[in-house]
């Protein structure tokens, strides 16, 4: 009867541990709105997030993003951290299984182990041990390691989203600077022609020295603007080179813009246009795909499980150990052989530790509270980032419509002015002044278009990009058991 009770005790404790109540659901702020407050973008074909870069009207951008993902050392670091976390999770799972090994030993000497004379002693043995997880401490530690591995995987996806957005942002800024450089080059050319006309007028006494100097100053300002935008294009190119882990001179040849027209009012350089995508889902549904939120959720799960593991250390620990082996002894011409084995449980119960285990439990609970607060804060930041990006997209679309109308007006005026100058109805100075005004309107359009593309890229980043990891997402939505 006593033997049955002895064998049933561990089983009863194990069943008691299995009935431990699961933790509360993941903390989600009550301030998360049920719907977006900002207006949603409409009017245009929508693109799926996971193929958004391919839907861009510039295929060069999609190629740059793919190359950056395959070569970026920052992404390699995130991938290495993910592999480290996965290895740690596998190691923690291995601790739940019995451990065993074999060993052997051979010794030759005199008076070994109090055996007189010269002797040879050898032995071989197999040993095994298994720590029975009575109160779920090891299982909780394994669950914490698994959650950390899932969080590291989500971090890797977050790094991919951030890298793609950074590449797109640098690419848009480079194309913007190249387009501005083209406009500034034409503007400088027209300003130089107007300044030359002013000098001729001054010599003829038809223009004051001050007015001529003002025209020359405008030429210098236009030339300085051209130099500035040329430098901005090179800076953006260098940023792309760093993100793609490539040489800047290699990318410069590949991303070289069309040559600037040597005469006339021809603009050849273009800007990438961002595709629209659907954001009609509710915040809690749409933001569930953000990898940083999934990572924060998993770290909260890991902290809760780590708290359980620490609390379990305050209770009895039971382990089983077994050993079997053979030993041989050779002394002179005599040989002897013996067998050995052992098997039995080992039970330990912490009694006095100066409050170390209690303090460890308090620290683990504080860590779980911190992880819960971090998850709540991440939710609030995510909603705020999407709302801000939606506002920027809406404002950019409105500004683009307005300024596009201005650009069309000035282009029409410039074309008519060129025709009138050819017909002798306008002077060259009047035509060039009209061209410069048209270029100023064109520059405003370039800036607004870039702002609109950057706003869409911010929204892409705020929504978690093209992260499609159903396994990770499903795991993140499950509370620990």
Protein backbone atom coordinates (compact mmCIF):
# COMPACT_ATOMS: atom_id res chain seq x y z
CA UNK A 1 0.00 0.00 0.00
CA UNK A 2 2.82 2.40 0.87
CA UNK A 3 4.50 1.59 -2.43
CA UNK A 4 1.34 2.50 -4.34
CA UNK A 5 1.02 5.77 -2.46
CA UNK A 6 4.67 6.54 -3.19
CA UNK A 7 4.16 5.98 -6.91
CA UNK A 8 0.90 7.92 -7.00
CA UNK A 9 2.27 11.02 -5.30
CA UNK A 10 4.25 12.30 -8.31
CA UNK A 11 1.33 11.58 -10.63
CA UNK A 12 -1.05 13.51 -8.37
CA UNK A 13 1.33 16.46 -8.25
CA UNK A 14 1.72 16.39 -12.02
CA UNK A 15 -2.06 16.43 -12.54
CA UNK A 16 -2.33 19.32 -10.09
CA UNK A 17 0.24 21.28 -12.08
CA UNK A 18 -1.63 20.63 -15.32
CA UNK A 19 -4.74 22.18 -13.81
CA UNK A 20 -2.99 25.51 -13.26
CA UNK A 21 -5.20 28.33 -14.54
CA UNK A 22 -3.98 30.03 -17.71
CA UNK A 23 -3.00 33.70 -17.50
CA UNK A 24 -5.30 36.53 -18.48
CA UNK A 25 -5.77 37.40 -22.15
CA UNK A 26 -3.12 39.64 -23.71
CA UNK A 27 -3.46 43.23 -22.57
CA UNK A 28 -5.01 45.41 -25.27
CA UNK A 29 -5.62 49.09 -24.57
CA UNK A 30 -9.25 50.09 -24.25
CA UNK A 31 -8.34 53.31 -26.04
CA UNK A 32 -7.83 51.52 -29.37
CA UNK A 33 -10.64 52.83 -31.59
CA UNK A 34 -13.14 50.55 -33.29
CA UNK A 35 -12.56 52.35 -36.62
CA UNK A 36 -10.05 54.77 -38.10
CA UNK A 37 -10.75 58.43 -37.41
CA UNK A 38 -8.76 59.59 -40.42
CA UNK A 39 -10.29 59.45 -43.90
CA UNK A 40 -9.34 56.37 -45.89
CA UNK A 41 -7.74 56.73 -49.33
CA UNK A 42 -10.02 55.84 -52.22
CA UNK A 43 -10.14 56.26 -55.95
CA UNK A 44 -7.62 53.93 -57.55
CA UNK A 45 -6.73 50.29 -57.83
CA UNK A 46 -5.60 48.75 -54.58
CA UNK A 47 -2.57 46.54 -54.19
CA UNK A 48 -1.91 43.72 -51.77
CA UNK A 49 0.63 44.56 -49.11
CA UNK A 50 2.75 41.48 -49.80
CA UNK A 51 3.18 42.50 -53.46
CA UNK A 52 3.13 46.25 -52.97
CA UNK A 53 6.61 46.97 -54.31
CA UNK A 54 5.88 44.95 -57.44
CA UNK A 55 2.77 47.09 -57.96
CA UNK A 56 4.89 50.27 -58.00
CA UNK A 57 5.11 51.95 -61.39
CA UNK A 58 8.92 51.77 -61.15
CA UNK A 59 10.26 48.18 -61.45
CA UNK A 60 13.72 49.37 -60.43
CA UNK A 61 12.46 49.97 -56.90
CA UNK A 62 11.20 46.39 -56.52
CA UNK A 63 14.58 45.09 -57.66
CA UNK A 64 16.40 47.31 -55.17
CA UNK A 65 14.20 46.10 -52.32
CA UNK A 66 14.83 42.47 -53.25
CA UNK A 67 18.59 43.03 -53.43
CA UNK A 68 18.64 44.83 -50.11
CA UNK A 69 16.79 41.95 -48.44
CA UNK A 70 19.30 39.45 -49.82
CA UNK A 71 22.44 41.45 -48.97
CA UNK A 72 21.74 43.73 -45.99
CA UNK A 73 23.98 43.03 -42.96
CA UNK A 74 21.30 44.51 -40.70
CA UNK A 75 18.85 41.88 -41.90
CA UNK A 76 21.53 39.22 -41.48
CA UNK A 77 21.91 40.28 -37.85
CA UNK A 78 18.17 39.92 -37.28
CA UNK A 79 18.22 36.51 -38.96
CA UNK A 80 21.13 35.42 -36.77
CA UNK A 81 19.28 36.53 -33.63
CA UNK A 82 16.27 34.53 -34.80
CA UNK A 83 18.40 31.40 -35.23
CA UNK A 84 19.93 31.93 -31.80
CA UNK A 85 16.47 32.19 -30.23
CA UNK A 86 15.28 29.09 -32.07
CA UNK A 87 18.33 27.17 -30.86
CA UNK A 88 17.62 28.34 -27.29
CA UNK A 89 14.02 27.13 -27.61
CA UNK A 90 15.20 23.72 -28.84
CA UNK A 91 17.62 23.52 -25.94
CA UNK A 92 14.85 24.36 -23.46
CA UNK A 93 12.60 21.66 -24.96
CA UNK A 94 15.42 19.15 -24.64
CA UNK A 95 15.50 19.78 -20.89
CA UNK A 96 12.05 18.19 -20.61
CA UNK A 97 13.33 14.85 -21.87
CA UNK A 98 15.39 12.21 -20.02
CA UNK A 99 19.13 12.70 -20.33
CA UNK A 100 21.52 9.79 -20.80
CA UNK A 101 25.10 9.06 -21.69
CA UNK A 102 27.84 6.45 -21.72
CA UNK A 103 31.32 6.64 -20.26
CA UNK A 104 34.43 4.55 -19.98
CA UNK A 105 37.73 4.64 -18.13
CA UNK A 106 41.03 2.71 -18.26
CA UNK A 107 43.85 3.08 -15.69
CA UNK A 108 47.24 1.38 -15.35
CA UNK A 109 49.32 1.85 -12.23
CA UNK A 110 50.48 0.59 -8.88
CA UNK A 111 48.25 0.37 -5.86
CA UNK A 112 45.27 1.72 -7.72
CA UNK A 113 42.24 1.96 -5.44
CA UNK A 114 44.23 0.16 -2.69
CA UNK A 115 44.91 -2.90 -4.92
CA UNK A 116 48.48 -4.07 -4.18
CA UNK A 117 50.93 -4.40 -7.03
CA UNK A 118 50.64 -3.31 -10.65
CA UNK A 119 47.12 -3.48 -11.97
CA UNK A 120 44.92 -2.41 -14.85
CA UNK A 121 41.45 -1.19 -14.01
CA UNK A 122 38.75 -0.36 -16.57
CA UNK A 123 35.06 0.37 -16.42
CA UNK A 124 32.15 1.26 -18.72
CA UNK A 125 28.78 2.57 -17.65
CA UNK A 126 25.54 4.03 -18.83
CA UNK A 127 23.81 6.72 -16.80
CA UNK A 128 20.44 8.40 -17.21
CA UNK A 129 18.50 11.05 -15.35
CA UNK A 130 15.12 12.70 -15.67
CA UNK A 131 13.85 15.65 -13.72
CA UNK A 132 10.12 15.19 -13.33
CA UNK A 133 8.44 18.55 -13.88
CA UNK A 134 6.02 18.33 -10.96
CA UNK A 135 4.91 21.96 -10.92
CA UNK A 136 5.48 22.90 -14.56
CA UNK A 137 8.60 24.97 -14.06
CA UNK A 138 10.54 23.40 -16.90
CA UNK A 139 7.56 23.41 -19.22
CA UNK A 140 7.04 27.09 -18.47
CA UNK A 141 10.72 27.79 -19.18
CA UNK A 142 10.42 25.92 -22.49
CA UNK A 143 7.27 27.88 -23.36
CA UNK A 144 9.08 31.13 -22.53
CA UNK A 145 11.98 30.19 -24.80
CA UNK A 146 9.54 29.26 -27.60
CA UNK A 147 7.80 32.63 -27.24
CA UNK A 148 11.15 34.42 -27.39
CA UNK A 149 11.96 32.52 -30.59
CA UNK A 150 8.61 33.55 -32.09
CA UNK A 151 9.30 37.15 -31.07
CA UNK A 152 12.74 36.99 -32.71
CA UNK A 153 11.11 35.73 -35.90
CA UNK A 154 8.66 38.64 -35.79
CA UNK A 155 11.60 41.00 -35.20
CA UNK A 156 13.21 39.63 -38.36
CA UNK A 157 10.04 40.38 -40.32
CA UNK A 158 9.93 43.86 -38.76
CA UNK A 159 13.50 44.42 -39.93
CA UNK A 160 12.47 43.36 -43.45
CA UNK A 161 9.57 45.83 -43.46
CA UNK A 162 11.76 48.63 -42.13
CA UNK A 163 14.52 47.89 -44.64
CA UNK A 164 12.11 47.89 -47.58
CA UNK A 165 10.58 51.18 -46.43
CA UNK A 166 14.04 52.73 -45.95
CA UNK A 167 15.09 51.66 -49.45
CA UNK A 168 11.90 53.06 -50.95
CA UNK A 169 12.27 56.33 -49.04
CA UNK A 170 15.88 56.78 -50.19
CA UNK A 171 14.92 55.91 -53.76
CA UNK A 172 12.08 58.45 -53.82
CA UNK A 173 14.36 61.11 -52.39
CA UNK A 174 17.05 60.32 -54.97
CA UNK A 175 14.60 60.55 -57.89
CA UNK A 176 13.19 63.76 -56.43
CA UNK A 177 16.66 65.29 -56.19
CA UNK A 178 17.49 64.20 -59.76
CA UNK A 179 14.26 65.74 -61.07
CA UNK A 180 14.92 68.95 -59.13
CA UNK A 181 18.46 68.97 -60.50
CA UNK A 182 17.08 68.79 -64.05
CA UNK A 183 14.65 71.61 -63.34
CA UNK A 184 17.41 73.68 -61.72
CA UNK A 185 19.68 73.09 -64.71
CA UNK A 186 17.03 74.42 -67.10
CA UNK A 187 16.27 77.27 -64.71
CA UNK A 188 19.97 78.18 -64.55
CA UNK A 189 20.15 78.15 -68.33
CA UNK A 190 17.15 80.47 -68.66
CA UNK A 191 18.43 82.71 -65.84
CA UNK A 192 21.82 83.00 -67.58
CA UNK A 193 20.10 84.02 -70.82
CA UNK A 194 18.03 86.63 -68.97
CA UNK A 195 21.16 87.93 -67.19
CA UNK A 196 22.99 88.18 -70.51
CA UNK A 197 20.03 90.10 -71.94
CA UNK A 198 20.15 92.39 -68.92
CA UNK A 199 23.82 93.16 -69.47
CA UNK A 200 23.10 94.05 -73.08
CA UNK A 201 20.23 96.26 -72.00
CA UNK A 202 22.48 97.95 -69.43
CA UNK A 203 25.11 98.67 -72.07
CA UNK A 204 22.41 100.23 -74.25
CA UNK A 205 21.26 102.33 -71.34
CA UNK A 206 17.85 100.67 -71.23
CA UNK A 207 18.31 98.96 -67.85
CA UNK A 208 19.77 100.24 -64.63
CA UNK A 209 22.84 98.67 -63.08
CA UNK A 210 20.79 97.61 -60.06
CA UNK A 211 18.26 95.75 -62.18
CA UNK A 212 21.04 94.06 -64.14
CA UNK A 213 22.75 93.04 -60.91
CA UNK A 214 19.46 91.62 -59.65
CA UNK A 215 19.14 89.46 -62.76
CA UNK A 216 22.69 88.21 -62.26
CA UNK A 217 21.90 87.43 -58.65
CA UNK A 218 18.92 85.34 -59.72
CA UNK A 219 21.24 83.42 -62.04
CA UNK A 220 23.61 82.72 -59.14
CA UNK A 221 20.73 81.53 -56.96
CA UNK A 222 19.55 79.17 -59.69
CA UNK A 223 23.09 77.80 -60.11
CA UNK A 224 23.39 77.27 -56.34
CA UNK A 225 20.08 75.39 -56.33
CA UNK A 226 21.38 73.12 -59.09
CA UNK A 227 24.50 72.31 -57.03
CA UNK A 228 22.40 71.65 -53.94
CA UNK A 229 20.10 69.17 -55.68
CA UNK A 230 23.04 67.43 -57.32
CA UNK A 231 24.53 66.92 -53.86
CA UNK A 232 21.20 65.70 -52.46
CA UNK A 233 20.99 63.12 -55.24
CA UNK A 234 24.46 61.84 -54.37
CA UNK A 235 23.60 61.66 -50.66
CA UNK A 236 20.45 59.64 -51.40
CA UNK A 237 22.47 57.38 -53.71
CA UNK A 238 24.99 56.76 -50.94
CA UNK A 239 22.17 55.89 -48.56
CA UNK A 240 20.84 53.37 -51.07
CA UNK A 241 24.30 51.86 -51.42
CA UNK A 242 24.54 51.34 -47.67
CA UNK A 243 21.05 49.82 -47.47
CA UNK A 244 21.70 47.48 -50.41
CA UNK A 245 25.28 46.69 -49.27
CA UNK A 246 26.66 47.66 -52.69
CA UNK A 247 29.19 50.11 -54.05
CA UNK A 248 27.84 53.58 -54.74
CA UNK A 249 29.61 53.83 -58.12
CA UNK A 250 27.96 50.58 -59.25
CA UNK A 251 24.51 51.87 -58.30
CA UNK A 252 25.27 55.24 -59.89
CA UNK A 253 25.64 53.64 -63.32
CA UNK A 254 22.50 51.56 -62.83
CA UNK A 255 20.33 54.38 -61.49
CA UNK A 256 21.63 57.14 -63.75
CA UNK A 257 18.74 59.42 -64.83
CA UNK A 258 18.08 60.48 -68.43
CA UNK A 259 20.36 63.20 -69.72
CA UNK A 260 19.13 66.77 -69.44
CA UNK A 261 17.93 68.33 -72.69
CA UNK A 262 20.50 70.71 -74.13
CA UNK A 263 17.91 73.16 -75.37
CA UNK A 264 14.24 73.97 -75.16
CA UNK A 265 11.79 73.28 -72.37
CA UNK A 266 11.85 69.47 -72.25
CA UNK A 267 11.67 67.60 -68.91
CA UNK A 268 12.71 63.95 -69.09
CA UNK A 269 13.14 62.74 -65.53
CA UNK A 270 10.26 61.05 -63.72
CA UNK A 271 9.30 60.12 -60.17
CA UNK A 272 7.97 56.82 -58.83
CA UNK A 273 4.25 56.73 -58.05
CA UNK A 274 3.12 54.72 -55.02
CA UNK A 275 0.24 52.27 -55.47
CA UNK A 276 -2.80 52.51 -53.23
CA UNK A 277 -3.96 49.61 -51.09
CA UNK A 278 -7.04 48.87 -49.05
CA UNK A 279 -7.03 49.93 -45.39
CA UNK A 280 -10.71 49.41 -44.64
CA UNK A 281 -10.16 46.81 -41.90
CA UNK A 282 -10.65 47.77 -38.27
CA UNK A 283 -7.55 48.77 -36.31
CA UNK A 284 -7.44 45.63 -34.17
CA UNK A 285 -7.73 43.42 -37.26
CA UNK A 286 -5.35 45.31 -39.51
CA UNK A 287 -2.69 45.97 -36.90
CA UNK A 288 -2.58 42.29 -35.92
CA UNK A 289 -0.22 41.79 -38.84
CA UNK A 290 2.34 44.30 -37.54
CA UNK A 291 5.40 42.24 -36.63
CA UNK A 292 6.45 44.57 -33.82
CA UNK A 293 3.06 44.05 -32.13
CA UNK A 294 3.38 40.29 -32.58
CA UNK A 295 6.88 40.44 -31.08
CA UNK A 296 5.69 42.50 -28.10
CA UNK A 297 2.84 40.03 -27.54
CA UNK A 298 5.23 37.08 -27.59
CA UNK A 299 7.57 38.79 -25.15
CA UNK A 300 4.66 39.29 -22.79
CA UNK A 301 3.88 35.56 -23.08
CA UNK A 302 7.54 34.77 -22.43
CA UNK A 303 7.54 36.98 -19.33
CA UNK A 304 4.39 35.29 -17.96
CA UNK A 305 5.84 31.84 -18.55
CA UNK A 306 9.16 32.86 -17.02
CA UNK A 307 7.27 34.01 -13.93
CA UNK A 308 5.68 30.55 -13.68
CA UNK A 309 9.05 28.90 -14.05
CA UNK A 310 10.54 31.01 -11.27
CA UNK A 311 7.57 30.40 -8.97
CA UNK A 312 7.89 26.64 -9.50
CA UNK A 313 11.40 26.73 -8.02
CA UNK A 314 9.84 27.33 -4.59
CA UNK A 315 8.27 23.86 -4.58
CA UNK A 316 9.76 20.34 -4.33
CA UNK A 317 11.90 19.13 -7.21
CA UNK A 318 11.81 15.41 -8.06
CA UNK A 319 14.28 13.65 -10.30
CA UNK A 320 15.01 10.04 -11.22
CA UNK A 321 18.52 8.70 -11.81
CA UNK A 322 19.72 5.32 -13.07
CA UNK A 323 23.14 3.85 -13.73
CA UNK A 324 24.41 0.47 -14.99
CA UNK A 325 27.91 -0.61 -15.85
CA UNK A 326 30.73 -3.13 -15.78
CA UNK A 327 34.23 -2.94 -14.27
CA UNK A 328 37.32 -5.04 -14.94
CA UNK A 329 40.47 -5.57 -12.85
CA UNK A 330 43.66 -7.24 -14.05
CA UNK A 331 46.46 -7.88 -11.54
CA UNK A 332 49.31 -10.01 -12.78
CA UNK A 333 47.71 -13.03 -14.40
CA UNK A 334 44.46 -12.66 -12.51
CA UNK A 335 41.33 -11.07 -13.98
CA UNK A 336 38.17 -10.12 -12.17
CA UNK A 337 34.92 -8.58 -13.34
CA UNK A 338 32.04 -6.90 -11.56
CA UNK A 339 28.69 -5.34 -12.37
CA UNK A 340 27.16 -2.26 -10.85
CA UNK A 341 23.77 -0.55 -11.10
CA UNK A 342 21.68 1.94 -9.24
CA UNK A 343 18.20 3.43 -9.57
CA UNK A 344 16.20 5.75 -7.39
CA UNK A 345 14.40 9.07 -7.00
CA UNK A 346 15.78 12.25 -5.52
CA UNK A 347 13.56 14.85 -3.88
CA UNK A 348 14.72 18.31 -2.85
CA UNK A 349 12.76 21.01 -1.09
CA UNK A 350 14.14 24.52 -0.57
CA UNK A 351 13.78 25.60 3.06
CA UNK A 352 16.06 28.53 3.80
CA UNK A 353 17.55 30.71 1.06
CA UNK A 354 17.48 34.14 2.62
CA UNK A 355 14.47 35.17 0.52
CA UNK A 356 16.24 34.65 -2.82
CA UNK A 357 13.39 32.68 -4.41
CA UNK A 358 10.76 35.13 -3.18
CA UNK A 359 12.78 38.03 -4.58
CA UNK A 360 13.21 36.17 -7.88
CA UNK A 361 9.44 35.69 -8.08
CA UNK A 362 8.81 39.36 -7.42
CA UNK A 363 11.30 40.30 -10.13
CA UNK A 364 9.63 37.92 -12.60
CA UNK A 365 6.20 39.42 -11.85
CA UNK A 366 7.60 42.90 -12.35
CA UNK A 367 9.07 41.79 -15.70
CA UNK A 368 5.66 40.43 -16.75
CA UNK A 369 4.03 43.74 -15.80
CA UNK A 370 6.65 45.61 -17.79
CA UNK A 371 6.04 43.42 -20.84
CA UNK A 372 2.27 44.00 -20.54
CA UNK A 373 2.80 47.76 -20.36
CA UNK A 374 5.17 47.62 -23.34
CA UNK A 375 2.53 45.77 -25.36
CA UNK A 376 -0.12 48.36 -24.48
CA UNK A 377 2.24 51.18 -25.41
CA UNK A 378 3.06 49.49 -28.71
CA UNK A 379 -0.65 49.25 -29.54
CA UNK A 380 -1.12 52.97 -28.91
CA UNK A 381 1.93 53.88 -30.99
CA UNK A 382 0.75 51.65 -33.86
CA UNK A 383 -2.68 53.27 -33.98
CA UNK A 384 -1.13 56.74 -33.82
CA UNK A 385 1.33 55.98 -36.63
CA UNK A 386 -1.41 54.71 -38.93
CA UNK A 387 -3.68 57.67 -38.17
CA UNK A 388 -0.84 60.10 -38.89
CA UNK A 389 0.07 58.32 -42.12
CA UNK A 390 -3.57 58.33 -43.27
CA UNK A 391 -3.78 62.06 -42.64
CA UNK A 392 -0.59 62.66 -44.64
CA UNK A 393 -1.87 60.54 -47.53
CA UNK A 394 -5.16 62.44 -47.61
CA UNK A 395 -3.51 65.85 -47.37
CA UNK A 396 -0.96 64.92 -50.02
CA UNK A 397 -3.68 63.78 -52.42
CA UNK A 398 -5.56 67.06 -51.99
CA UNK A 399 -2.40 69.15 -52.48
CA UNK A 400 -1.40 67.10 -55.52
CA UNK A 401 -4.73 67.79 -57.23
CA UNK A 402 -4.48 71.51 -56.56
CA UNK A 403 -0.87 71.94 -57.56
CA UNK A 404 -1.23 69.72 -60.61
CA UNK A 405 -3.79 72.18 -61.94
CA UNK A 406 -1.30 75.02 -61.40
CA UNK A 407 1.39 73.07 -63.21
CA UNK A 408 -0.84 72.45 -66.23
CA UNK A 409 -1.68 76.15 -66.39
CA UNK A 410 1.97 77.18 -66.36
CA UNK A 411 2.95 74.54 -68.89
CA UNK A 412 0.27 75.89 -71.22
CA UNK A 413 1.50 79.44 -70.67
CA UNK A 414 5.11 78.37 -71.34
CA UNK A 415 4.18 76.60 -74.56
CA UNK A 416 2.20 79.62 -75.79
CA UNK A 417 5.03 81.91 -74.78
CA UNK A 418 7.52 79.86 -76.79
CA UNK A 419 5.27 79.97 -79.82
CA UNK A 420 4.78 83.73 -79.44
CA UNK A 421 8.54 84.27 -79.13
CA UNK A 422 9.13 82.33 -82.35
CA UNK A 423 6.48 84.48 -84.02
CA UNK A 424 8.21 87.63 -82.80
CA UNK A 425 5.37 88.58 -80.46
CA UNK A 426 7.49 88.17 -77.31
CA UNK A 427 11.10 88.87 -76.50
CA UNK A 428 13.47 86.10 -75.49
CA UNK A 429 13.64 87.55 -71.98
CA UNK A 430 9.86 87.39 -71.64
CA UNK A 431 9.83 83.78 -72.87
CA UNK A 432 12.62 82.76 -70.49
CA UNK A 433 10.88 84.46 -67.57
CA UNK A 434 7.73 82.50 -68.38
CA UNK A 435 9.77 79.29 -68.57
CA UNK A 436 11.25 80.00 -65.14
CA UNK A 437 7.79 80.54 -63.66
CA UNK A 438 6.63 77.26 -65.19
CA UNK A 439 9.67 75.49 -63.70
CA UNK A 440 8.83 76.92 -60.26
CA UNK A 441 5.34 75.41 -60.56
CA UNK A 442 6.90 72.15 -61.77
CA UNK A 443 9.24 72.09 -58.76
CA UNK A 444 6.26 72.41 -56.44
CA UNK A 445 4.61 69.46 -58.18
CA UNK A 446 7.78 67.39 -57.78
CA UNK A 447 7.87 68.07 -54.04
CA UNK A 448 4.19 67.28 -53.52
CA UNK A 449 4.43 64.05 -55.50
CA UNK A 450 7.42 62.97 -53.44
CA UNK A 451 5.60 63.84 -50.22
CA UNK A 452 2.65 61.75 -51.37
CA UNK A 453 4.86 58.77 -52.20
CA UNK A 454 6.64 59.10 -48.85
CA UNK A 455 3.27 59.27 -47.07
CA UNK A 456 2.25 55.97 -48.68
CA UNK A 457 5.59 54.46 -47.65
CA UNK A 458 4.97 55.61 -44.07
CA UNK A 459 1.55 53.98 -44.20
CA UNK A 460 3.12 50.82 -45.57
CA UNK A 461 5.54 50.79 -42.63
CA UNK A 462 2.81 51.64 -40.10
CA UNK A 463 0.62 48.76 -41.29
CA UNK A 464 3.41 46.22 -40.97
CA UNK A 465 4.28 46.11 -44.64
CA UNK A 466 4.01 42.91 -46.59
CA UNK A 467 4.50 40.68 -43.57
CA UNK A 468 2.61 37.46 -44.22
CA UNK A 469 3.47 34.94 -41.52
CA UNK A 470 0.27 33.09 -40.61
CA UNK A 471 2.05 30.74 -38.25
CA UNK A 472 3.59 33.55 -36.26
CA UNK A 473 0.35 35.55 -36.25
CA UNK A 474 -1.72 32.59 -35.09
CA UNK A 475 0.78 31.84 -32.38
CA UNK A 476 0.72 35.47 -31.27
CA UNK A 477 -3.06 35.39 -30.91
CA UNK A 478 -2.95 32.38 -28.55
CA UNK A 479 -2.57 32.93 -24.85
CA UNK A 480 -0.12 30.63 -23.01
CA UNK A 481 -1.52 27.58 -21.34
